[in-house]
Amino acid sequence: MKGRFSNPHGVGGRYLPLGLVAVVFAILGVILASNLDFTKKSTASTTPADYPLVQSSNGEYVSPFVAVVDKIKDAVVNISVEQEAQRVVYDDFFWRFFEVPQGPSFSYGSGFFFRDDGYILTNNHVVKDAKRVVVRTSTGYQYDAQVTGADPETDLAVLKVTPEEKINFIPFGDSDEIKVGDWAIAIGNPFPQQGLDRTVTVGVISAKGRSNLRFGSQSPRYQDYIQTDASINPGNSGGPLLNLKGEAVGVNAAISSPTGGSVGIGFAIPINLARAVVPDMIATGKVSRGWLGIWLEDVTEAQAKRLGLDAVKGVYVDSVFKNSPADEAGLKSGDILTDFNGQEVNNAGQLSVMIATAPRDKEANIGLIRGGRKMSLSPLITDREQYASAHKSELNEGNDAILWLGMELTTYTQEIARNNNMEYFEGVFVRRVGRGSPSDKSEIMPGSVITQVDNREVRNLDELQAVARELQGRATAIPVLLVDPRGSIEYRAIRP
């Protein structure tokens, strides 16, 4: 038949129109000529937000970090510190510790201007025991700096220079607003002997609210660290951790590393903690802290299950000081604290920071769980030092326990020995050790028993108090002989 293709095998008896065949081949030709690739995503679905890029004025996409660094790099300074090195020596013959001067030593770190009149924020451990502090700016100017205020309990310090140039400064952001996964930029002076000033590293916010971290004898008491994988190395301490607005959200402070170099686990002090203590350091050189009068512990898994909590978080009230603000407000031992002034509470370290930095002489709103029931109380936040000075006798009422060098102490009795499955002997029992206290920094553990102080035997609390009164005002290390709960007998040197 004309005009048709026949099936050569005669299967099905059907025919394909010639016009349709032509259309099919035409479409295939267009596809081949266009070199289309159906495996690729449409370019319309890709936006600059998918990448760490921003669009410049000429339409090109560039790194957003460039603009931030250009804006604030000149605010970062190099800090060099001259110190009088001391070496603690133990004399086997006289059974005592003493310090031996070793001449001047030098350390280095970073800092940044946070005001245009010459105020610099850095770490306390950068300027600790400084005889002289020299600050070098990006222009090469060098200034002798005054340590306006230093706070070992937060590891922050404020320096002041009299600038002879226009000062670029970094504004404070809001560290409460940052989220895990946000971009983070660190600027500082790693390995200063190599002249690597104002090194920029980039990463993300890896975690928030890190606490209970150990950095040797200089571990601060109040910890609420931001964790970042932006590289931080020796010399970076005191430099800023920045958001993409060019605001400081943290002060780089420490690393966790088996080698001493960056392995992507760095820690920064939240800028909101700095915001709370900087005004006091500028005004008076020391920090006023809030106080409630409670001993805090992290909630355990067993407590969370018993109370039906959604997660193992919150803070357990171990005990309440008699006649303290917490006691007067009705807080009780066994309460589980869940929020403070509207902010969720996760652990004891975080809550300690909240209380310490809360406005003094104002009520705080605390949410808690008592006996499985939710409720709230409003204790008055008082000044820690003022309260301790005015109520010294009440804090030690009954002479059952005293506070000394950050330890809560009581006479070691046969009952305490039985309860702790320990051998009984005469001494003084360490009930608790305050975080960041001199005793904590000397790694004294709760449950230890003190048998000597300053090479004098102490058999009970009265004898320890008598020795402590004689040592009042002493600046050098105090040797303490104790039996560790792990079974060892050792000396510890506690610096008051």
Protein backbone atom coordinates (compact mmCIF):
# COMPACT_ATOMS: atom_id res chain seq x y z
CA MET A 1 0.00 0.00 0.00
CA LYS A 2 1.28 3.46 -0.95
CA GLY A 3 2.28 5.93 1.71
CA ARG A 4 2.58 3.36 4.55
CA PHE A 5 5.34 1.26 6.12
CA SER A 6 4.43 -2.34 6.48
CA ASN A 7 5.48 -4.44 9.43
CA PRO A 8 8.14 -6.71 7.86
CA HIS A 9 7.22 -9.51 10.23
CA GLY A 10 3.49 -8.99 9.81
CA VAL A 11 3.05 -8.80 13.64
CA GLY A 12 -0.04 -7.01 14.85
CA GLY A 13 -1.01 -5.77 11.44
CA ARG A 14 -0.39 -2.08 12.47
CA TYR A 15 1.33 0.74 10.62
CA LEU A 16 3.18 3.94 11.89
CA PRO A 17 2.34 7.16 10.05
CA LEU A 18 5.33 8.73 8.33
CA GLY A 19 4.54 12.24 9.72
CA LEU A 20 4.74 11.05 13.34
CA VAL A 21 8.11 9.46 12.73
CA ALA A 22 9.40 12.75 11.36
CA VAL A 23 8.20 14.64 14.45
CA VAL A 24 9.93 12.19 16.83
CA PHE A 25 13.26 12.49 15.01
CA ALA A 26 12.95 16.28 14.97
CA ILE A 27 12.55 16.40 18.78
CA LEU A 28 15.53 14.14 19.26
CA GLY A 29 17.61 16.40 17.05
CA VAL A 30 16.72 19.45 19.12
CA ILE A 31 17.70 17.65 22.32
CA LEU A 32 21.06 16.57 20.95
CA ALA A 33 21.79 19.98 19.48
CA SER A 34 20.95 21.68 22.81
CA ASN A 35 23.24 19.38 24.81
CA LEU A 36 20.62 19.27 27.55
CA ASP A 37 21.43 17.43 30.79
CA PHE A 38 18.37 16.30 32.71
CA THR A 39 20.52 15.18 35.63
CA LYS A 40 21.25 18.80 36.65
CA LYS A 41 18.98 20.81 38.94
CA SER A 42 17.33 23.89 37.56
CA THR A 43 19.48 26.95 38.21
CA ALA A 44 16.36 28.76 39.36
CA SER A 45 16.33 26.68 42.55
CA THR A 46 19.87 27.75 43.58
CA THR A 47 20.15 31.00 45.49
CA PRO A 48 23.09 32.78 47.13
CA ALA A 49 21.64 31.70 50.49
CA ASP A 50 22.71 28.14 49.67
CA TYR A 51 26.35 29.20 49.88
CA PRO A 52 28.42 31.41 52.24
CA LEU A 53 28.39 34.18 49.62
CA VAL A 54 26.95 37.68 49.26
CA GLN A 55 26.37 39.68 46.10
CA SER A 56 28.65 42.67 45.60
CA SER A 57 27.74 45.92 43.87
CA ASN A 58 29.06 44.62 40.52
CA GLY A 59 26.88 41.51 40.73
CA GLU A 60 29.63 39.05 41.70
CA TYR A 61 29.29 36.71 44.67
CA VAL A 62 31.98 37.11 47.33
CA SER A 63 32.65 35.76 50.81
CA PRO A 64 30.62 37.58 53.50
CA PHE A 65 33.60 37.31 55.85
CA VAL A 66 35.58 39.85 53.83
CA ALA A 67 33.30 42.74 54.76
CA VAL A 68 33.30 41.75 58.46
CA VAL A 69 37.09 41.50 58.64
CA ASP A 70 37.59 44.80 56.78
CA LYS A 71 35.22 46.45 59.24
CA ILE A 72 36.76 45.34 62.53
CA LYS A 73 40.28 43.94 62.03
CA ASP A 74 41.94 47.17 63.20
CA ALA A 75 40.11 46.91 66.54
CA VAL A 76 42.03 43.73 67.46
CA VAL A 77 45.25 44.29 69.41
CA ASN A 78 48.33 42.31 70.38
CA ILE A 79 49.03 42.14 74.12
CA SER A 80 52.42 41.35 75.65
CA VAL A 81 52.79 40.94 79.41
CA GLU A 82 55.87 41.02 81.64
CA GLN A 83 55.46 38.95 84.80
CA GLU A 84 57.58 38.02 87.79
CA ALA A 85 57.80 34.25 87.56
CA GLN A 86 57.42 32.29 90.80
CA ARG A 87 58.17 28.63 91.35
CA VAL A 88 56.50 26.73 94.20
CA VAL A 89 59.01 24.44 95.92
CA TYR A 90 58.37 21.78 98.54
CA ASP A 91 60.99 21.46 101.28
CA ASP A 92 61.19 17.80 102.39
CA PHE A 93 63.20 18.65 105.51
CA PHE A 94 60.88 21.34 106.92
CA TRP A 95 57.69 19.91 105.35
CA ARG A 96 56.61 23.20 103.86
CA PHE A 97 55.92 24.94 100.56
CA PHE A 98 57.59 28.20 99.60
CA GLU A 99 57.90 30.34 96.48
CA VAL A 100 61.15 31.07 94.69
CA PRO A 101 61.42 34.11 92.33
CA GLN A 102 62.75 33.17 88.91
CA GLY A 103 63.08 36.60 87.30
CA PRO A 104 60.88 38.15 84.62
CA SER A 105 58.89 36.08 82.14
CA PHE A 106 56.77 37.13 79.19
CA SER A 107 53.42 35.97 77.86
CA TYR A 108 51.29 37.07 74.95
CA GLY A 109 47.65 37.24 73.98
CA SER A 110 44.99 39.17 72.14
CA GLY A 111 42.32 41.70 72.95
CA PHE A 112 40.00 44.16 71.23
CA PHE A 113 38.79 47.72 71.65
CA PHE A 114 35.13 47.83 72.66
CA ARG A 115 35.03 51.63 73.12
CA ASP A 116 36.66 54.38 71.11
CA ASP A 117 38.24 55.98 74.21
CA GLY A 118 40.80 53.21 74.65
CA TYR A 119 39.10 50.44 76.66
CA ILE A 120 40.16 46.90 75.70
CA LEU A 121 38.56 43.57 76.62
CA THR A 122 40.74 40.49 77.09
CA ASN A 123 41.12 37.42 79.34
CA ASN A 124 42.20 37.60 82.95
CA HIS A 125 44.69 34.78 82.38
CA VAL A 126 46.41 36.90 79.70
CA VAL A 127 47.27 39.70 82.17
CA LYS A 128 47.41 37.76 85.45
CA ASP A 129 50.29 38.83 87.75
CA ALA A 130 51.38 41.44 85.23
CA LYS A 131 54.17 43.88 86.09
CA ARG A 132 53.79 45.61 82.75
CA VAL A 133 51.26 45.31 79.92
CA VAL A 134 52.05 46.58 76.41
CA VAL A 135 49.38 46.84 73.71
CA ARG A 136 50.25 47.07 70.00
CA THR A 137 47.60 48.19 67.51
CA SER A 138 47.30 47.41 63.80
CA THR A 139 49.05 50.68 62.92
CA GLY A 140 52.16 49.67 64.87
CA TYR A 141 51.53 52.07 67.77
CA GLN A 142 52.51 50.69 71.18
CA TYR A 143 50.92 51.74 74.46
CA ASP A 144 51.55 50.92 78.10
CA ALA A 145 48.20 49.68 79.33
CA GLN A 146 46.61 49.91 82.75
CA VAL A 147 44.69 46.90 84.06
CA THR A 148 41.44 48.64 85.00
CA GLY A 149 39.79 45.51 86.31
CA ALA A 150 40.39 41.76 86.35
CA ASP A 151 37.99 38.99 87.30
CA PRO A 152 39.42 35.46 87.71
CA GLU A 153 35.94 34.01 88.31
CA THR A 154 34.89 34.78 84.72
CA ASP A 155 38.43 34.99 83.22
CA LEU A 156 37.79 38.50 81.90
CA ALA A 157 39.85 41.67 82.22
CA VAL A 158 39.59 45.28 81.03
CA LEU A 159 42.62 47.34 79.97
CA LYS A 160 42.85 51.08 79.35
CA VAL A 161 45.23 52.94 77.06
CA THR A 162 45.41 56.62 76.11
CA PRO A 163 45.23 56.43 72.31
CA GLU A 164 47.14 58.75 69.98
CA GLU A 165 45.17 57.61 66.94
CA LYS A 166 41.57 57.13 65.91
CA ILE A 167 40.30 53.95 67.51
CA ASN A 168 38.18 51.44 65.64
CA PHE A 169 36.11 49.38 68.10
CA ILE A 170 33.91 46.30 68.00
CA PRO A 171 30.35 46.62 69.33
CA PHE A 172 28.86 43.96 71.59
CA GLY A 173 26.24 41.69 70.02
CA ASP A 174 23.75 39.47 71.84
CA SER A 175 25.19 36.03 72.63
CA ASP A 176 21.76 34.77 73.73
CA GLU A 177 20.54 35.11 70.14
CA ILE A 178 23.22 32.99 68.46
CA LYS A 179 22.26 29.50 67.39
CA VAL A 180 24.24 26.31 66.99
CA GLY A 181 25.26 26.20 63.33
CA ASP A 182 25.62 30.00 62.94
CA TRP A 183 28.78 31.24 61.26
CA ALA A 184 31.55 32.32 63.65
CA ILE A 185 34.69 34.36 62.92
CA ALA A 186 37.69 34.40 65.28
CA ILE A 187 40.46 36.99 65.05
CA GLY A 188 43.59 36.96 67.18
CA ASN A 189 47.34 36.62 67.38
CA PRO A 190 48.26 32.92 67.44
CA PHE A 191 51.87 31.92 68.06
CA PRO A 192 52.90 35.57 68.60
CA GLN A 193 56.62 34.79 68.39
CA GLN A 194 56.03 34.15 64.68
CA GLY A 195 54.34 37.51 64.08
CA LEU A 196 51.02 36.07 62.89
CA ASP A 197 49.00 39.09 64.03
CA ARG A 198 45.28 39.37 63.31
CA THR A 199 44.87 35.89 61.92
CA VAL A 200 41.30 35.24 60.78
CA THR A 201 39.70 31.81 61.16
CA VAL A 202 36.14 30.81 60.35
CA GLY A 203 33.82 28.09 61.60
CA VAL A 204 30.44 27.69 63.19
CA ILE A 205 28.93 27.82 66.65
CA SER A 206 29.38 24.18 67.67
CA ALA A 207 27.52 24.30 71.00
CA LYS A 208 26.33 26.64 73.74
CA GLY A 209 26.30 26.46 77.52
CA ARG A 210 29.44 24.37 78.02
CA SER A 211 30.43 24.22 81.70
CA ASN A 212 32.38 22.15 84.22
CA LEU A 213 35.48 22.39 82.02
CA ARG A 214 38.99 22.07 83.47
CA PHE A 215 41.82 24.31 82.28
CA GLY A 216 44.29 23.61 85.08
CA SER A 217 44.63 26.00 88.03
CA GLN A 218 43.12 28.89 86.05
CA SER A 219 39.71 27.32 85.47
CA PRO A 220 37.14 30.07 86.06
CA ARG A 221 34.30 29.52 88.50
CA TYR A 222 31.54 30.83 86.23
CA GLN A 223 31.36 28.90 82.97
CA ASP A 224 28.78 29.17 80.20
CA TYR A 225 31.09 28.75 77.21
CA ILE A 226 30.30 29.02 73.52
CA GLN A 227 32.02 26.18 71.67
CA THR A 228 33.30 26.80 68.13
CA ASP A 229 35.33 24.97 65.51
CA ALA A 230 36.88 28.22 64.26
CA SER A 231 40.59 27.56 64.88
CA ILE A 232 41.86 28.98 68.16
CA ASN A 233 45.52 28.55 69.08
CA PRO A 234 47.90 29.77 71.81
CA GLY A 235 47.94 33.58 71.63
CA ASN A 236 44.31 33.82 70.45
CA SER A 237 43.12 34.23 74.04
CA GLY A 238 41.25 37.49 74.50
CA GLY A 239 40.42 37.99 70.83
CA PRO A 240 36.83 38.42 69.62
CA LEU A 241 34.43 35.79 68.32
CA LEU A 242 32.21 37.57 65.79
CA ASN A 243 28.92 37.14 63.98
CA LEU A 244 28.30 38.17 60.37
CA LYS A 245 27.23 41.65 61.51
CA GLY A 246 30.73 42.32 62.80
CA GLU A 247 29.56 42.22 66.43
CA ALA A 248 31.44 40.47 69.23
CA VAL A 249 29.40 37.54 70.53
CA GLY A 250 32.23 36.05 72.58
CA VAL A 251 35.76 36.42 73.91
CA ASN A 252 38.01 33.54 72.83
CA ALA A 253 39.43 31.93 75.93
CA ALA A 254 40.55 28.31 75.70
CA ILE A 255 40.91 25.15 73.66
CA SER A 256 40.52 21.47 74.38
CA SER A 257 43.34 19.61 72.71
CA PRO A 258 45.59 16.59 73.29
CA THR A 259 48.43 18.37 71.50
CA GLY A 260 48.13 21.99 72.68
CA GLY A 261 47.11 23.16 69.21
CA SER A 262 43.73 23.69 67.59
CA VAL A 263 41.71 20.56 66.87
CA GLY A 264 38.43 22.35 66.26
CA ILE A 265 37.27 22.51 69.89
CA GLY A 266 37.59 26.09 71.08
CA PHE A 267 35.72 27.98 73.77
CA ALA A 268 34.64 31.60 74.03
CA ILE A 269 33.10 33.49 76.96
CA PRO A 270 29.64 34.76 75.94
CA ILE A 271 29.63 38.50 75.40
CA ASN A 272 26.51 38.86 77.55
CA LEU A 273 28.55 37.62 80.51
CA ALA A 274 31.16 40.27 79.69
CA ARG A 275 28.41 42.88 79.37
CA ALA A 276 27.33 42.07 82.94
CA VAL A 277 30.76 42.45 84.57
CA VAL A 278 32.57 45.09 82.48
CA PRO A 279 30.80 48.12 84.04
CA ASP A 280 31.90 47.04 87.54
CA MET A 281 35.48 46.47 86.39
CA ILE A 282 35.62 49.95 84.86
CA ALA A 283 33.94 51.65 87.85
CA THR A 284 35.55 49.86 90.80
CA GLY A 285 38.10 47.37 89.45
CA LYS A 286 36.20 44.39 90.86
CA VAL A 287 32.89 42.65 90.20
CA SER A 288 29.77 42.64 92.35
CA ARG A 289 27.91 39.32 92.23
CA GLY A 290 24.40 38.20 92.92
CA TRP A 291 23.75 35.60 95.60
CA LEU A 292 20.79 33.53 96.78
CA GLY A 293 22.26 31.15 99.35
CA ILE A 294 21.77 27.70 97.81
CA TRP A 295 24.03 24.77 97.01
CA LEU A 296 23.31 23.53 93.50
CA GLU A 297 23.82 20.21 91.73
CA ASP A 298 22.93 18.97 88.25
CA VAL A 299 19.79 16.87 87.99
CA THR A 300 20.59 13.16 87.75
CA GLU A 301 18.96 10.63 85.45
CA ALA A 302 17.28 8.97 88.46
CA GLN A 303 15.77 12.26 89.60
CA ALA A 304 14.55 13.07 86.09
CA LYS A 305 12.82 9.68 85.81
CA ARG A 306 11.27 9.90 89.28
CA LEU A 307 9.83 13.35 88.57
CA GLY A 308 8.74 12.53 85.02
CA LEU A 309 10.95 15.22 83.43
CA ASP A 310 11.16 15.32 79.64
CA ALA A 311 14.97 15.31 79.77
CA VAL A 312 17.86 15.12 82.24
CA LYS A 313 18.16 18.86 82.78
CA GLY A 314 17.43 21.40 85.46
CA VAL A 315 19.17 22.08 88.76
CA TYR A 316 18.72 20.23 92.05
CA VAL A 317 18.79 22.30 95.28
CA ASP A 318 21.05 20.31 97.59
CA SER A 319 20.71 22.65 100.58
CA VAL A 320 19.66 26.18 101.52
CA PHE A 321 21.54 28.53 103.82
CA LYS A 322 19.48 29.46 106.87
CA ASN A 323 18.02 33.01 106.71
CA SER A 324 19.42 33.51 103.19
CA PRO A 325 17.34 35.18 100.44
CA ALA A 326 16.51 31.72 99.09
CA ASP A 327 15.37 30.56 102.53
CA GLU A 328 13.22 33.65 103.06
CA ALA A 329 11.58 33.17 99.65
CA GLY A 330 10.67 29.56 100.47
CA LEU A 331 13.15 27.59 98.39
CA LYS A 332 13.75 24.14 99.88
CA SER A 333 16.24 21.33 99.60
CA GLY A 334 15.02 18.90 96.92
CA ASP A 335 13.49 21.55 94.66
CA ILE A 336 14.27 21.19 90.93
CA LEU A 337 14.85 24.62 89.36
CA THR A 338 13.73 24.75 85.73
CA ASP A 339 13.89 28.40 84.67
CA PHE A 340 15.32 31.70 85.86
CA ASN A 341 13.82 35.05 84.80
CA GLY A 342 12.09 33.35 81.88
CA GLN A 343 15.19 31.55 80.60
CA GLU A 344 15.39 27.75 80.63
CA VAL A 345 17.85 26.26 83.11
CA ASN A 346 19.90 23.26 81.93
CA ASN A 347 22.64 22.78 84.52
CA ALA A 348 24.14 24.14 87.73
CA GLY A 349 26.98 25.96 85.98
CA GLN A 350 24.60 27.90 83.77
CA LEU A 351 22.33 28.84 86.70
CA SER A 352 25.31 29.98 88.78
CA VAL A 353 26.18 32.44 86.00
CA MET A 354 22.57 33.66 85.82
CA ILE A 355 22.40 34.30 89.55
CA ALA A 356 25.84 35.92 89.75
CA THR A 357 25.09 38.36 86.92
CA ALA A 358 21.48 39.15 87.84
CA PRO A 359 20.69 42.72 89.02
CA ARG A 360 21.26 43.06 92.75
CA ASP A 361 18.51 44.06 95.19
CA LYS A 362 15.84 42.98 92.71
CA GLU A 363 13.55 39.97 92.77
CA ALA A 364 14.17 37.12 90.33
CA ASN A 365 11.44 34.84 89.06
CA ILE A 366 12.35 31.17 89.48
CA GLY A 367 10.29 28.31 88.07
CA LEU A 368 10.65 25.00 89.90
CA ILE A 369 9.20 21.54 90.46
CA ARG A 370 8.45 20.46 94.02
CA GLY A 371 6.92 17.07 94.71
CA GLY A 372 5.98 16.73 91.05
CA ARG A 373 4.11 20.04 91.06
CA LYS A 374 5.20 23.11 89.09
CA MET A 375 5.38 26.42 90.95
CA SER A 376 7.32 29.68 91.00
CA LEU A 377 9.02 31.81 93.65
CA SER A 378 10.54 35.30 93.62
CA PRO A 379 13.64 35.51 95.86
CA LEU A 380 15.59 38.74 96.23
CA ILE A 381 19.03 38.72 94.61
CA THR A 382 21.52 40.18 97.08
CA ASP A 383 25.19 41.17 96.79
CA ARG A 384 27.34 38.15 97.67
CA GLU A 385 30.18 39.92 99.48
CA GLN A 386 27.94 42.36 101.32
CA TYR A 387 25.71 39.55 102.58
CA ALA A 388 28.66 37.39 103.64
CA SER A 389 30.20 40.30 105.55
CA ALA A 390 26.94 41.20 107.31
CA HIS A 391 25.89 37.62 108.14
CA LYS A 392 29.17 35.88 108.89
CA SER A 393 27.92 34.46 112.21
CA GLU A 394 24.70 33.17 110.63
CA LEU A 395 26.55 31.42 107.81
CA ASN A 396 28.61 29.54 110.39
CA GLU A 397 25.80 29.22 112.94
CA GLY A 398 26.13 26.32 115.35
CA ASN A 399 29.77 25.79 114.38
CA ASP A 400 28.61 22.60 112.62
CA ALA A 401 30.37 23.67 109.42
CA ILE A 402 32.45 26.57 108.17
CA LEU A 403 33.44 27.93 104.78
CA TRP A 404 37.19 28.29 104.20
CA LEU A 405 39.07 28.76 100.93
CA GLY A 406 35.97 27.60 99.03
CA MET A 407 35.45 24.44 101.11
CA GLU A 408 32.54 23.63 103.39
CA LEU A 409 34.17 21.89 106.35
CA THR A 410 33.02 19.99 109.43
CA THR A 411 34.62 17.74 112.04
CA TYR A 412 35.20 14.23 110.72
CA THR A 413 33.13 11.83 112.83
CA GLN A 414 32.59 8.08 113.00
CA GLU A 415 29.11 8.60 111.56
CA ILE A 416 30.53 10.43 108.51
CA ALA A 417 33.10 7.66 108.09
CA ARG A 418 30.38 4.98 108.11
CA ASN A 419 28.18 6.92 105.67
CA ASN A 420 31.10 7.32 103.25
CA ASN A 421 32.47 3.79 103.72
CA MET A 422 35.79 5.20 104.93
CA GLU A 423 38.15 4.47 107.81
CA TYR A 424 37.73 6.76 110.82
CA PHE A 425 40.55 8.94 112.17
CA GLU A 426 40.72 12.47 113.55
CA GLY A 427 40.52 15.31 111.06
CA VAL A 428 38.26 17.73 109.22
CA PHE A 429 35.86 16.51 106.55
CA VAL A 430 35.44 18.39 103.24
CA ARG A 431 31.70 18.38 102.53
CA ARG A 432 31.75 20.48 99.38
CA VAL A 433 34.15 22.45 97.19
CA GLY A 434 32.89 25.56 95.43
CA ARG A 435 33.46 25.72 91.68
CA GLY A 436 36.35 27.99 90.79
CA SER A 437 37.40 28.45 94.43
CA PRO A 438 41.06 28.30 95.55
CA SER A 439 40.47 24.75 96.81
CA ASP A 440 38.84 23.72 93.54
CA LYS A 441 41.80 25.09 91.62
CA SER A 442 44.07 22.99 93.83
CA GLU A 443 41.93 19.97 92.85
CA ILE A 444 40.75 19.15 96.37
CA MET A 445 37.85 16.73 96.16
CA PRO A 446 34.69 16.64 98.28
CA GLY A 447 34.93 13.71 100.70
CA SER A 448 38.60 14.38 101.52
CA VAL A 449 39.75 14.57 105.15
CA ILE A 450 42.23 17.28 106.19
CA THR A 451 44.70 16.25 108.90
CA GLN A 452 47.27 19.09 108.70
CA VAL A 453 47.18 22.77 107.72
CA ASP A 454 50.43 24.72 107.34
CA ASN A 455 52.31 21.76 108.87
CA ARG A 456 50.16 21.84 112.02
CA GLU A 457 47.91 18.96 113.03
CA VAL A 458 44.17 19.61 112.94
CA ARG A 459 41.97 17.02 114.66
CA ASN A 460 38.64 18.86 114.50
CA LEU A 461 36.94 21.98 113.23
CA ASP A 462 37.95 24.11 116.22
CA GLU A 463 41.64 23.41 115.66
CA LEU A 464 41.34 24.17 111.94
CA GLN A 465 39.58 27.46 112.67
CA ALA A 466 42.37 28.46 115.07
CA VAL A 467 45.00 27.86 112.38
CA ALA A 468 42.86 29.60 109.73
CA ARG A 469 42.62 32.74 111.93
CA GLU A 470 46.41 32.88 112.22
CA LEU A 471 46.75 32.55 108.43
CA GLN A 472 44.21 35.27 107.64
CA GLY A 473 45.64 37.72 105.12
CA ARG A 474 48.39 35.36 103.97
CA ALA A 475 49.13 35.69 100.26
CA THR A 476 51.40 32.70 99.74
CA ALA A 477 50.29 29.11 99.25
CA ILE A 478 49.00 27.18 102.28
CA PRO A 479 50.07 23.51 102.47
CA VAL A 480 47.31 21.08 103.41
CA LEU A 481 47.78 17.38 104.13
CA LEU A 482 44.68 15.33 103.36
CA VAL A 483 43.39 11.86 102.80
CA ASP A 484 41.77 11.73 99.38
CA PRO A 485 38.50 9.72 99.09
CA ARG A 486 40.27 7.58 96.50
CA GLY A 487 42.59 6.40 99.28
CA SER A 488 45.76 8.42 98.66
CA ILE A 489 47.48 10.68 101.21
CA GLU A 490 48.91 13.84 99.66
CA TYR A 491 49.88 17.45 100.13
CA ARG A 492 48.05 20.22 98.28
CA ALA A 493 49.13 23.86 98.13
CA ILE A 494 46.12 26.21 98.25
CA ARG A 495 46.72 29.80 97.24
CA PRO A 496 44.28 32.05 99.15
